[in-house]
């Protein structure tokens, strides 16, 4: 009888853990999507910074003339 109760308790814990794992996987997927979206924004920002740097160099060159 005690063995059956222990088995049921273990099965209950396993089920609880599986639910937690599924929830964690969903969160991981959500975070991965956010990372991909952020990478696109970072790429745009890097391009903008590159353009700013280029313009600053042109301004400096013009001021030196």
Foldseek 3Di string as FASTA:
>chain_A
DVVVVVVVVVVVVVVVVVVVVVVVVVVVVVVVVVVVVVVVVVVVVVVVVVVVVVVVVVVVVVVVD
